[in-house]
Amino acid sequence: MKLNFQYAHNSHEESEDKPIKLAEEALIEFDDFDWVGQAKEANKLQKCAPTLSLIITEGKEYIWVSPFENNNRLTFVSECYFPCVVPSWFGLSKKQGTINLSSQSLSLSDARRVIEHFIKKEHDNLRTMYA
């Protein structure tokens, strides 16, 4: 399990990983991240959007949030993936699969809440917030 950070000065291929033991550490890092400063810097540099990712299982279970600034207001884009039972064969059966949810209109507090719901595996709440 790890956190991944991209900052405004990074290229799209650059990022920093931080191994963590508890998924809840992502909330502390979210609260400590300079979202406003990084969004302003991203507008100025036009290189990379600041992004915080919590990766439970590479390619299977992860969430990321990334803000942009519009008229001095932060709006977050986010996407999450998690394993879940999904319909298959035209809905006649079910199988283990991956759910992908995304949003382009989260507030700062909503971005924090989707991470919290993800950590707690509150998938119904995630579906509601990403709707």
N, C-alpha and C. Protein backbone atom coordinates (compact mmCIF):
# COMPACT_ATOMS: atom_id res chain seq x y z
N MET A 1 0.85 -1.16 0.00
CA MET A 1 0.00 0.00 0.00
C MET A 1 0.90 1.23 0.00
N LYS A 2 0.48 2.24 -0.80
CA LYS A 2 1.30 3.43 -0.88
C LYS A 2 0.47 4.65 -1.28
N LEU A 3 1.06 5.80 -1.02
CA LEU A 3 0.54 7.06 -1.52
C LEU A 3 1.44 7.48 -2.67
N ASN A 4 0.85 8.16 -3.63
CA ASN A 4 1.61 8.69 -4.74
C ASN A 4 1.25 10.17 -4.87
N PHE A 5 2.28 11.00 -5.00
CA PHE A 5 2.09 12.44 -5.10
C PHE A 5 2.63 12.94 -6.43
N GLN A 6 1.85 13.78 -7.09
CA GLN A 6 2.33 14.54 -8.22
C GLN A 6 2.14 16.00 -7.86
N TYR A 7 3.16 16.79 -8.16
CA TYR A 7 3.13 18.21 -7.84
C TYR A 7 3.11 19.02 -9.13
N ALA A 8 2.74 20.28 -9.01
CA ALA A 8 2.60 21.15 -10.17
C ALA A 8 3.89 21.24 -10.99
N HIS A 9 5.04 21.15 -10.36
CA HIS A 9 6.32 21.27 -11.08
C HIS A 9 6.75 19.96 -11.74
N ASN A 10 6.07 18.85 -11.46
CA ASN A 10 6.42 17.56 -12.06
C ASN A 10 6.00 17.50 -13.52
N SER A 11 6.68 16.65 -14.28
CA SER A 11 6.17 16.29 -15.60
C SER A 11 5.14 15.19 -15.37
N HIS A 12 4.42 14.79 -16.40
CA HIS A 12 3.39 13.76 -16.22
C HIS A 12 3.99 12.40 -15.85
N GLU A 13 5.26 12.20 -16.15
CA GLU A 13 5.90 10.93 -15.83
C GLU A 13 6.55 10.93 -14.44
N GLU A 14 6.61 12.08 -13.79
CA GLU A 14 7.25 12.19 -12.48
C GLU A 14 6.23 12.13 -11.36
N SER A 15 6.59 11.43 -10.30
CA SER A 15 5.76 11.39 -9.10
C SER A 15 6.61 10.85 -7.95
N GLU A 16 6.09 10.98 -6.76
CA GLU A 16 6.79 10.49 -5.57
C GLU A 16 5.90 9.48 -4.85
N ASP A 17 6.45 8.32 -4.54
CA ASP A 17 5.74 7.30 -3.78
C ASP A 17 6.12 7.38 -2.31
N LYS A 18 5.16 7.08 -1.46
CA LYS A 18 5.41 7.02 -0.02
C LYS A 18 4.71 5.76 0.50
N PRO A 19 5.46 4.75 0.91
CA PRO A 19 4.84 3.55 1.49
C PRO A 19 4.12 3.93 2.79
N ILE A 20 2.95 3.32 3.01
CA ILE A 20 2.21 3.55 4.25
C ILE A 20 1.74 2.21 4.80
N LYS A 21 1.48 2.19 6.10
CA LYS A 21 0.99 0.97 6.76
C LYS A 21 -0.52 0.98 6.91
N LEU A 22 -1.09 2.16 7.13
CA LEU A 22 -2.52 2.30 7.33
C LEU A 22 -3.11 3.23 6.27
N ALA A 23 -4.21 2.81 5.66
CA ALA A 23 -4.85 3.63 4.63
C ALA A 23 -5.28 4.99 5.19
N GLU A 24 -5.57 5.05 6.48
CA GLU A 24 -6.00 6.30 7.10
C GLU A 24 -4.94 7.39 7.01
N GLU A 25 -3.68 6.99 6.80
CA GLU A 25 -2.61 7.98 6.62
C GLU A 25 -2.89 8.88 5.42
N ALA A 26 -3.66 8.40 4.46
CA ALA A 26 -4.01 9.19 3.29
C ALA A 26 -4.79 10.44 3.68
N LEU A 27 -5.63 10.34 4.70
CA LEU A 27 -6.41 11.50 5.15
C LEU A 27 -5.51 12.56 5.77
N ILE A 28 -4.51 12.13 6.51
CA ILE A 28 -3.55 13.08 7.11
C ILE A 28 -2.79 13.78 5.99
N GLU A 29 -2.34 13.02 5.01
CA GLU A 29 -1.60 13.61 3.89
C GLU A 29 -2.51 14.54 3.08
N PHE A 30 -3.76 14.16 2.91
CA PHE A 30 -4.71 15.03 2.20
C PHE A 30 -4.84 16.36 2.93
N ASP A 31 -5.00 16.31 4.25
CA ASP A 31 -5.15 17.53 5.04
C ASP A 31 -3.89 18.39 5.01
N ASP A 32 -2.72 17.76 4.90
CA ASP A 32 -1.45 18.49 4.89
C ASP A 32 -1.05 19.01 3.51
N PHE A 33 -1.67 18.50 2.48
CA PHE A 33 -1.32 18.87 1.11
C PHE A 33 -1.72 20.32 0.84
N ASP A 34 -0.85 21.09 0.21
CA ASP A 34 -1.13 22.50 -0.10
C ASP A 34 -1.94 22.58 -1.40
N TRP A 35 -3.22 22.25 -1.32
CA TRP A 35 -4.06 22.19 -2.51
C TRP A 35 -4.16 23.54 -3.21
N VAL A 36 -4.40 24.60 -2.44
CA VAL A 36 -4.56 25.93 -3.04
C VAL A 36 -3.26 26.36 -3.70
N GLY A 37 -2.15 26.26 -2.98
CA GLY A 37 -0.86 26.66 -3.53
C GLY A 37 -0.47 25.86 -4.75
N GLN A 38 -0.69 24.54 -4.69
CA GLN A 38 -0.34 23.68 -5.82
C GLN A 38 -1.23 23.95 -7.04
N ALA A 39 -2.52 24.24 -6.82
CA ALA A 39 -3.42 24.55 -7.94
C ALA A 39 -3.01 25.87 -8.61
N LYS A 40 -2.64 26.85 -7.81
CA LYS A 40 -2.16 28.13 -8.36
C LYS A 40 -0.87 27.92 -9.15
N GLU A 41 0.03 27.14 -8.60
CA GLU A 41 1.29 26.83 -9.27
C GLU A 41 1.05 26.07 -10.58
N ALA A 42 0.10 25.16 -10.58
CA ALA A 42 -0.23 24.40 -11.79
C ALA A 42 -0.75 25.33 -12.88
N ASN A 43 -1.58 26.30 -12.49
CA ASN A 43 -2.07 27.28 -13.47
C ASN A 43 -0.92 28.08 -14.06
N LYS A 44 0.03 28.42 -13.23
CA LYS A 44 1.16 29.23 -13.67
C LYS A 44 2.12 28.43 -14.55
N LEU A 45 2.49 27.23 -14.12
CA LEU A 45 3.48 26.42 -14.83
C LEU A 45 2.91 25.68 -16.04
N GLN A 46 1.63 25.30 -15.97
CA GLN A 46 0.99 24.53 -17.04
C GLN A 46 1.74 23.24 -17.35
N LYS A 47 2.19 22.54 -16.29
CA LYS A 47 2.92 21.28 -16.48
C LYS A 47 2.10 20.08 -16.04
N CYS A 48 1.70 20.06 -14.77
CA CYS A 48 1.05 18.88 -14.21
C CYS A 48 0.04 19.31 -13.15
N ALA A 49 -1.07 18.63 -13.09
CA ALA A 49 -2.06 18.90 -12.06
C ALA A 49 -1.63 18.21 -10.77
N PRO A 50 -1.69 18.91 -9.65
CA PRO A 50 -1.33 18.25 -8.38
C PRO A 50 -2.31 17.11 -8.11
N THR A 51 -1.76 15.97 -7.70
CA THR A 51 -2.59 14.78 -7.52
C THR A 51 -2.10 13.97 -6.33
N LEU A 52 -3.05 13.49 -5.54
CA LEU A 52 -2.77 12.57 -4.45
C LEU A 52 -3.50 11.27 -4.76
N SER A 53 -2.75 10.16 -4.77
CA SER A 53 -3.34 8.85 -5.04
C SER A 53 -3.09 7.93 -3.85
N LEU A 54 -4.10 7.17 -3.49
CA LEU A 54 -3.97 6.10 -2.50
C LEU A 54 -4.09 4.80 -3.27
N ILE A 55 -3.03 4.01 -3.25
CA ILE A 55 -2.99 2.77 -4.02
C ILE A 55 -2.95 1.60 -3.04
N ILE A 56 -4.05 0.87 -2.97
CA ILE A 56 -4.12 -0.32 -2.11
C ILE A 56 -3.50 -1.50 -2.86
N THR A 57 -3.96 -1.74 -4.08
CA THR A 57 -3.43 -2.78 -4.95
C THR A 57 -3.24 -2.18 -6.33
N GLU A 58 -2.02 -2.18 -6.81
CA GLU A 58 -1.69 -1.57 -8.10
C GLU A 58 -2.62 -2.07 -9.20
N GLY A 59 -3.26 -1.13 -9.90
CA GLY A 59 -4.12 -1.47 -11.02
C GLY A 59 -5.48 -2.05 -10.68
N LYS A 60 -5.75 -2.30 -9.40
CA LYS A 60 -7.02 -2.93 -9.03
C LYS A 60 -7.83 -2.14 -8.00
N GLU A 61 -7.14 -1.56 -7.03
CA GLU A 61 -7.85 -0.86 -5.96
C GLU A 61 -7.09 0.41 -5.61
N TYR A 62 -7.60 1.53 -6.12
CA TYR A 62 -6.93 2.80 -5.87
C TYR A 62 -7.89 3.97 -6.10
N ILE A 63 -7.50 5.12 -5.59
CA ILE A 63 -8.28 6.35 -5.74
C ILE A 63 -7.30 7.49 -5.92
N TRP A 64 -7.67 8.46 -6.71
CA TRP A 64 -6.87 9.67 -6.84
C TRP A 64 -7.79 10.89 -6.87
N VAL A 65 -7.25 12.00 -6.38
CA VAL A 65 -7.95 13.29 -6.42
C VAL A 65 -6.97 14.34 -6.93
N SER A 66 -7.50 15.28 -7.72
CA SER A 66 -6.66 16.30 -8.32
C SER A 66 -7.49 17.57 -8.53
N PRO A 67 -7.02 18.72 -8.04
CA PRO A 67 -7.81 19.94 -8.18
C PRO A 67 -7.39 20.79 -9.38
N PHE A 68 -8.32 21.63 -9.79
CA PHE A 68 -7.98 22.73 -10.69
C PHE A 68 -8.63 23.97 -10.12
N GLU A 69 -8.05 25.10 -10.44
CA GLU A 69 -8.56 26.36 -9.93
C GLU A 69 -9.31 27.07 -11.04
N ASN A 70 -10.51 27.52 -10.70
CA ASN A 70 -11.33 28.25 -11.66
C ASN A 70 -11.98 29.41 -10.91
N ASN A 71 -11.66 30.62 -11.29
CA ASN A 71 -12.18 31.82 -10.61
C ASN A 71 -11.91 31.78 -9.12
N ASN A 72 -10.67 31.45 -8.74
CA ASN A 72 -10.23 31.38 -7.33
C ASN A 72 -10.99 30.34 -6.52
N ARG A 73 -11.52 29.33 -7.17
CA ARG A 73 -12.24 28.26 -6.48
C ARG A 73 -11.66 26.91 -6.90
N LEU A 74 -11.43 26.05 -5.92
CA LEU A 74 -10.91 24.72 -6.22
C LEU A 74 -12.05 23.77 -6.57
N THR A 75 -11.87 23.03 -7.64
CA THR A 75 -12.77 21.95 -8.01
C THR A 75 -11.90 20.72 -8.22
N PHE A 76 -12.34 19.60 -7.66
CA PHE A 76 -11.55 18.37 -7.74
C PHE A 76 -12.11 17.42 -8.78
N VAL A 77 -11.19 16.80 -9.48
CA VAL A 77 -11.47 15.68 -10.36
C VAL A 77 -11.00 14.45 -9.59
N SER A 78 -11.72 13.36 -9.70
CA SER A 78 -11.34 12.16 -8.96
C SER A 78 -11.80 10.91 -9.69
N GLU A 79 -11.10 9.85 -9.41
CA GLU A 79 -11.45 8.55 -9.96
C GLU A 79 -11.07 7.49 -8.95
N CYS A 80 -11.88 6.44 -8.86
CA CYS A 80 -11.52 5.33 -7.98
C CYS A 80 -11.88 4.02 -8.65
N TYR A 81 -11.14 3.00 -8.25
CA TYR A 81 -11.33 1.63 -8.73
C TYR A 81 -11.34 0.73 -7.52
N PHE A 82 -12.26 -0.22 -7.49
CA PHE A 82 -12.27 -1.19 -6.40
C PHE A 82 -12.89 -2.50 -6.88
N PRO A 83 -12.44 -3.62 -6.31
CA PRO A 83 -13.00 -4.91 -6.70
C PRO A 83 -14.43 -5.05 -6.18
N CYS A 84 -15.26 -5.70 -7.00
CA CYS A 84 -16.67 -5.84 -6.63
C CYS A 84 -17.28 -6.91 -7.53
N VAL A 85 -18.37 -7.47 -7.10
CA VAL A 85 -19.12 -8.39 -7.93
C VAL A 85 -19.90 -7.56 -8.95
N VAL A 86 -19.75 -7.90 -10.23
CA VAL A 86 -20.39 -7.15 -11.31
C VAL A 86 -21.24 -8.08 -12.17
N PRO A 87 -22.28 -7.55 -12.78
CA PRO A 87 -23.09 -8.38 -13.68
C PRO A 87 -22.28 -8.77 -14.92
N SER A 88 -22.56 -9.94 -15.44
CA SER A 88 -21.92 -10.38 -16.68
C SER A 88 -22.95 -11.15 -17.51
N TRP A 89 -22.55 -11.49 -18.68
CA TRP A 89 -23.39 -12.26 -19.58
C TRP A 89 -24.79 -11.66 -19.67
N PHE A 90 -24.82 -10.38 -20.07
CA PHE A 90 -26.08 -9.65 -20.26
C PHE A 90 -26.91 -9.58 -18.99
N GLY A 91 -26.24 -9.57 -17.84
CA GLY A 91 -26.93 -9.46 -16.56
C GLY A 91 -27.48 -10.76 -16.02
N LEU A 92 -27.23 -11.85 -16.71
CA LEU A 92 -27.77 -13.14 -16.28
C LEU A 92 -26.91 -13.81 -15.22
N SER A 93 -25.69 -13.38 -15.07
CA SER A 93 -24.82 -13.95 -14.04
C SER A 93 -23.96 -12.83 -13.45
N LYS A 94 -23.17 -13.21 -12.48
CA LYS A 94 -22.28 -12.24 -11.83
C LYS A 94 -20.89 -12.84 -11.74
N LYS A 95 -19.90 -11.93 -11.72
CA LYS A 95 -18.52 -12.36 -11.59
C LYS A 95 -17.74 -11.29 -10.83
N GLN A 96 -16.56 -11.66 -10.36
CA GLN A 96 -15.70 -10.69 -9.69
C GLN A 96 -15.12 -9.76 -10.76
N GLY A 97 -15.21 -8.49 -10.52
CA GLY A 97 -14.69 -7.51 -11.48
C GLY A 97 -14.21 -6.27 -10.75
N THR A 98 -14.06 -5.21 -11.49
CA THR A 98 -13.60 -3.95 -10.93
C THR A 98 -14.59 -2.85 -11.28
N ILE A 99 -14.95 -2.06 -10.30
CA ILE A 99 -15.82 -0.91 -10.50
C ILE A 99 -14.94 0.32 -10.69
N ASN A 100 -15.31 1.16 -11.63
CA ASN A 100 -14.62 2.43 -11.87
C ASN A 100 -15.63 3.56 -11.72
N LEU A 101 -15.34 4.50 -10.83
CA LEU A 101 -16.20 5.66 -10.63
C LEU A 101 -15.38 6.91 -10.85
N SER A 102 -16.00 7.97 -11.39
CA SER A 102 -15.26 9.21 -11.59
C SER A 102 -16.18 10.41 -11.44
N SER A 103 -15.56 11.54 -11.14
CA SER A 103 -16.27 12.81 -11.00
C SER A 103 -15.34 13.94 -11.40
N GLN A 104 -15.92 15.00 -11.90
CA GLN A 104 -15.14 16.17 -12.25
C GLN A 104 -15.66 17.42 -11.54
N SER A 105 -16.36 17.22 -10.44
CA SER A 105 -16.98 18.38 -9.80
C SER A 105 -17.05 18.29 -8.28
N LEU A 106 -16.00 17.77 -7.66
CA LEU A 106 -16.00 17.64 -6.20
C LEU A 106 -15.41 18.88 -5.53
N SER A 107 -15.96 19.23 -4.40
CA SER A 107 -15.39 20.30 -3.58
C SER A 107 -14.22 19.71 -2.78
N LEU A 108 -13.50 20.56 -2.08
CA LEU A 108 -12.40 20.11 -1.23
C LEU A 108 -12.90 19.11 -0.19
N SER A 109 -14.01 19.44 0.47
CA SER A 109 -14.54 18.53 1.51
C SER A 109 -15.07 17.23 0.90
N ASP A 110 -15.67 17.31 -0.29
CA ASP A 110 -16.13 16.08 -0.96
C ASP A 110 -14.96 15.20 -1.37
N ALA A 111 -13.87 15.82 -1.84
CA ALA A 111 -12.68 15.04 -2.23
C ALA A 111 -12.14 14.28 -1.02
N ARG A 112 -12.13 14.93 0.13
CA ARG A 112 -11.67 14.25 1.34
C ARG A 112 -12.62 13.11 1.71
N ARG A 113 -13.92 13.37 1.57
CA ARG A 113 -14.91 12.34 1.92
C ARG A 113 -14.84 11.12 1.01
N VAL A 114 -14.56 11.30 -0.28
CA VAL A 114 -14.47 10.12 -1.15
C VAL A 114 -13.28 9.25 -0.74
N ILE A 115 -12.21 9.89 -0.31
CA ILE A 115 -11.06 9.10 0.19
C ILE A 115 -11.46 8.36 1.45
N GLU A 116 -12.17 9.03 2.33
CA GLU A 116 -12.62 8.39 3.58
C GLU A 116 -13.55 7.21 3.29
N HIS A 117 -14.50 7.39 2.40
CA HIS A 117 -15.41 6.28 2.03
C HIS A 117 -14.63 5.14 1.38
N PHE A 118 -13.65 5.47 0.55
CA PHE A 118 -12.84 4.46 -0.10
C PHE A 118 -12.08 3.63 0.94
N ILE A 119 -11.48 4.30 1.90
CA ILE A 119 -10.72 3.62 2.96
C ILE A 119 -11.63 2.67 3.75
N LYS A 120 -12.83 3.14 4.06
CA LYS A 120 -13.77 2.35 4.85
C LYS A 120 -14.54 1.33 4.01
N LYS A 121 -14.25 1.30 2.71
CA LYS A 121 -14.93 0.39 1.77
C LYS A 121 -16.45 0.60 1.78
N GLU A 122 -16.84 1.85 1.90
CA GLU A 122 -18.25 2.24 1.86
C GLU A 122 -18.63 2.51 0.40
N HIS A 123 -18.77 1.42 -0.36
CA HIS A 123 -18.95 1.52 -1.79
C HIS A 123 -20.26 2.19 -2.19
N ASP A 124 -21.32 1.97 -1.45
CA ASP A 124 -22.58 2.64 -1.77
C ASP A 124 -22.45 4.15 -1.63
N ASN A 125 -21.75 4.59 -0.60
CA ASN A 125 -21.52 6.03 -0.41
C ASN A 125 -20.66 6.59 -1.54
N LEU A 126 -19.67 5.83 -1.99
CA LEU A 126 -18.86 6.26 -3.12
C LEU A 126 -19.71 6.42 -4.37
N ARG A 127 -20.57 5.45 -4.63
CA ARG A 127 -21.43 5.53 -5.81
C ARG A 127 -22.29 6.78 -5.76
N THR A 128 -22.80 7.10 -4.57
CA THR A 128 -23.63 8.29 -4.42
C THR A 128 -22.82 9.56 -4.68
N MET A 129 -21.64 9.63 -4.12
CA MET A 129 -20.83 10.83 -4.26
C MET A 129 -20.30 11.03 -5.68
N TYR A 130 -20.05 9.95 -6.39
CA TYR A 130 -19.55 10.06 -7.75
C TYR A 130 -20.68 10.19 -8.78
N ALA A 131 -21.91 10.07 -8.34
CA ALA A 131 -23.05 10.14 -9.30
C ALA A 131 -23.22 11.53 -9.86
